Amino acid sequence: MSRETPSCDWRKGKMAATGEEAAAMDSISRVPPVHPTVLSLGGSSEPRGEPSETAADGQVVPAAPKKPTTSSSDGGVETAEEAVEPDINELCTDMFDKMAVFLQGELTGTCEDYRLLENMNKLTSLKYMEMKDISINISRNLQDLNLKYASLQPYLDQINQIEEQVSSLEQAAYKLDTYSKKLEAKFKKLEKR
């Protein structure tokens, strides 16, 4: 016996089937419409976790589903009925806008860092230029001093020679002084006789 799969039309709330299932479906369609998760096809007569009631004519009537409630302690959690599917285009646009702002901030910070480095490099190069000028001036002055020292070198040599001669004359003067004192002492001895 071949079984055909039932086709469902959820918008109308009815199901179409053939054979034995048609009679069962017909009895279900007389029951007031309930949440689609409560209905069960060909399985157990009771839905999972939901108690069922028996009608007067022997049909099983499932209990009405519990509506999710929001309590004040949930902090405003949406119920299944209140949940609205968000617009993907708006969310994407919002995400791209925020991403653009974030990247703009990152790039601005990086640009500011590079500007600071550029300014520091300019100031450092100016300081090095000043130091270069100072060192060139010092080198020039040192060369001038070396030339002047070279021109004064003969005079310095003469001063050294004069100093040596003065020191030798001083030694001679000391010897002459000691000799004259000895002569004076001999002369006094001779006078006393």
Protein backbone atom coordinates (compact mmCIF):
# COMPACT_ATOMS: atom_id res chain seq x y z
CA MET A 1 0.00 0.00 0.00
CA SER A 2 1.60 3.27 -1.06
CA ARG A 3 1.26 6.31 1.15
CA GLU A 4 1.26 9.80 -0.22
CA THR A 5 2.81 12.56 1.78
CA PRO A 6 0.35 15.19 2.86
CA SER A 7 0.77 18.69 1.49
CA CYS A 8 0.38 21.55 3.95
CA ASP A 9 -0.99 24.99 3.44
CA TRP A 10 -0.06 26.83 6.65
CA ARG A 11 -1.56 30.11 5.59
CA LYS A 12 -5.06 28.65 5.55
CA GLY A 13 -4.49 26.49 8.62
CA LYS A 14 -5.74 23.32 6.81
CA MET A 15 -3.99 20.17 5.59
CA ALA A 16 -4.93 18.02 2.59
CA ALA A 17 -4.31 14.25 2.59
CA THR A 18 -5.70 11.04 1.07
CA GLY A 19 -6.89 7.74 2.49
CA GLU A 20 -6.98 7.09 6.24
CA GLU A 21 -5.08 10.26 6.99
CA ALA A 22 -7.82 12.33 5.38
CA ALA A 23 -10.35 11.24 8.01
CA ALA A 24 -7.93 12.01 10.80
CA MET A 25 -7.15 15.36 9.27
CA ASP A 26 -10.80 16.13 8.89
CA SER A 27 -11.38 15.54 12.60
CA ILE A 28 -8.40 17.73 13.46
CA SER A 29 -9.63 20.54 11.25
CA ARG A 30 -12.82 20.79 13.30
CA VAL A 31 -10.78 21.63 16.39
CA PRO A 32 -10.11 25.34 16.87
CA PRO A 33 -6.73 26.31 15.37
CA VAL A 34 -3.86 26.15 17.78
CA HIS A 35 -0.15 26.86 17.62
CA PRO A 36 1.45 24.66 14.87
CA THR A 37 3.96 23.11 17.27
CA VAL A 38 1.09 21.56 19.28
CA LEU A 39 -0.23 19.49 16.34
CA SER A 40 1.28 16.06 15.82
CA LEU A 41 0.80 13.87 12.78
CA GLY A 42 0.46 10.10 13.19
CA GLY A 43 2.48 9.98 16.41
CA SER A 44 1.36 9.94 20.00
CA SER A 45 -1.95 11.58 20.75
CA GLU A 46 -0.37 13.97 23.25
CA PRO A 47 2.13 16.64 22.32
CA ARG A 48 5.43 16.76 24.18
CA GLY A 49 5.19 18.43 27.55
CA GLU A 50 1.59 19.61 27.04
CA PRO A 51 -1.39 17.95 28.78
CA SER A 52 -4.41 17.16 26.58
CA GLU A 53 -8.10 17.06 27.23
CA THR A 54 -10.71 14.62 25.92
CA ALA A 55 -13.82 16.07 24.27
CA ALA A 56 -17.27 14.61 24.72
CA ASP A 57 -17.20 12.74 21.39
CA GLY A 58 -13.88 11.01 22.22
CA GLN A 59 -11.56 13.27 20.28
CA VAL A 60 -8.35 14.38 21.87
CA VAL A 61 -8.21 18.15 22.18
CA PRO A 62 -4.76 19.49 22.93
CA ALA A 63 -4.41 22.13 25.62
CA ALA A 64 -3.87 25.69 24.51
CA PRO A 65 -0.19 26.61 24.40
CA LYS A 66 1.18 28.81 27.12
CA LYS A 67 1.99 32.30 26.00
CA PRO A 68 5.45 33.45 26.95
CA THR A 69 5.28 36.31 29.36
CA THR A 70 7.73 38.99 30.23
CA SER A 71 8.29 39.76 33.85
CA SER A 72 9.65 42.99 35.17
CA SER A 73 12.76 41.16 36.40
CA ASP A 74 13.64 40.03 32.82
CA GLY A 75 14.70 43.53 31.95
CA GLY A 76 12.39 43.92 28.95
CA VAL A 77 13.02 40.62 27.15
CA GLU A 78 10.89 40.33 24.03
CA THR A 79 8.31 37.60 23.78
CA ALA A 80 7.99 35.40 20.72
CA GLU A 81 5.00 37.42 19.55
CA GLU A 82 6.79 40.75 20.03
CA ALA A 83 10.00 39.68 18.32
CA VAL A 84 10.26 41.35 14.96
CA GLU A 85 12.74 40.14 12.42
CA PRO A 86 15.28 42.96 12.01
CA ASP A 87 15.93 44.49 8.64
CA ILE A 88 19.22 43.05 7.38
CA ASN A 89 19.90 46.04 5.12
CA GLU A 90 19.54 48.50 7.99
CA LEU A 91 21.76 46.37 10.22
CA CYS A 92 24.40 46.07 7.49
CA THR A 93 24.28 49.81 6.84
CA ASP A 94 24.58 50.51 10.57
CA MET A 95 27.47 48.04 10.89
CA PHE A 96 29.31 49.55 7.91
CA ASP A 97 28.75 53.09 9.25
CA LYS A 98 30.13 52.13 12.66
CA MET A 99 33.01 50.25 11.03
CA ALA A 100 33.78 53.33 8.93
CA VAL A 101 33.77 55.55 12.03
CA PHE A 102 36.04 53.07 13.85
CA LEU A 103 38.48 52.80 10.93
CA GLN A 104 38.40 56.58 10.48
CA GLY A 105 39.33 56.99 14.14
CA GLU A 106 42.13 54.42 13.86
CA LEU A 107 43.50 56.04 10.72
CA THR A 108 43.22 59.52 12.25
CA GLY A 109 45.19 58.36 15.30
CA THR A 110 47.84 56.79 13.07
CA CYS A 111 48.05 59.95 10.95
CA GLU A 112 48.49 62.06 14.08
CA ASP A 113 51.28 59.75 15.25
CA TYR A 114 53.02 60.11 11.89
CA ARG A 115 52.61 63.90 11.98
CA LEU A 116 54.14 63.97 15.45
CA LEU A 117 57.05 61.83 14.24
CA GLU A 118 57.47 64.09 11.22
CA ASN A 119 57.58 67.20 13.42
CA MET A 120 60.04 65.52 15.78
CA ASN A 121 62.23 64.55 12.81
CA LYS A 122 62.14 68.13 11.50
CA LEU A 123 63.12 69.54 14.90
CA THR A 124 65.87 66.94 15.25
CA SER A 125 67.23 67.75 11.79
CA LEU A 126 67.22 71.48 12.67
CA LYS A 127 69.13 70.75 15.89
CA TYR A 128 71.63 68.64 13.95
CA MET A 129 72.04 71.46 11.41
CA GLU A 130 72.76 73.88 14.26
CA MET A 131 75.22 71.43 15.79
CA LYS A 132 76.84 70.98 12.36
CA ASP A 133 77.25 74.76 12.01
CA ILE A 134 78.73 74.97 15.51
CA SER A 135 81.14 72.13 14.82
CA ILE A 136 82.20 73.75 11.50
CA ASN A 137 82.88 77.01 13.36
CA ILE A 138 84.85 75.19 16.05
CA SER A 139 86.88 73.37 13.39
CA ARG A 140 87.61 76.64 11.58
CA ASN A 141 88.66 78.33 14.82
CA LEU A 142 90.84 75.37 15.70
CA GLN A 143 92.58 75.58 12.32
CA ASP A 144 93.15 79.31 12.87
CA LEU A 145 94.61 78.60 16.30
CA ASN A 146 96.88 75.92 14.85
CA LEU A 147 98.13 78.36 12.21
CA LYS A 148 98.77 81.05 14.85
CA TYR A 149 100.57 78.53 17.05
CA ALA A 150 102.72 77.49 14.09
CA SER A 151 103.55 81.14 13.40
CA LEU A 152 104.44 81.67 17.08
CA GLN A 153 106.55 78.51 17.31
CA PRO A 154 109.91 80.22 16.47
CA TYR A 155 109.29 82.85 19.14
CA LEU A 156 108.40 80.12 21.63
CA ASP A 157 111.63 78.34 20.75
CA GLN A 158 113.56 81.58 21.38
CA ILE A 159 111.80 81.99 24.74
CA ASN A 160 112.84 78.43 25.66
CA GLN A 161 116.48 79.22 24.72
CA ILE A 162 116.43 82.46 26.75
CA GLU A 163 115.00 80.58 29.72
CA GLU A 164 117.82 78.03 29.50
CA GLN A 165 120.42 80.81 29.29
CA VAL A 166 118.86 82.65 32.25
CA SER A 167 118.94 79.47 34.33
CA SER A 168 122.65 78.92 33.43
CA LEU A 169 123.40 82.58 34.29
CA GLU A 170 121.62 82.13 37.61
CA GLN A 171 123.79 79.11 38.40
CA ALA A 172 126.90 81.15 37.52
CA ALA A 173 125.70 84.01 39.75
CA TYR A 174 125.25 81.62 42.69
CA LYS A 175 128.78 80.28 42.17
CA LEU A 176 130.16 83.78 41.97
CA ASP A 177 128.34 84.75 45.14
CA THR A 178 129.73 81.81 47.09
CA TYR A 179 133.23 82.52 45.76
CA SER A 180 133.02 86.21 46.75
CA LYS A 181 131.92 85.21 50.28
CA LYS A 182 134.96 82.95 50.60
CA LEU A 183 137.23 85.76 49.41
CA GLU A 184 135.68 88.16 51.92
CA ALA A 185 136.21 85.68 54.73
CA LYS A 186 139.95 85.30 53.74
CA PHE A 187 140.37 89.06 53.48
CA LYS A 188 139.01 89.57 57.02
CA LYS A 189 141.39 86.95 58.32
CA LEU A 190 144.31 88.69 56.74
CA GLU A 191 143.25 92.06 58.14
CA LYS A 192 143.24 90.79 61.69
CA ARG A 193 146.90 89.76 61.55
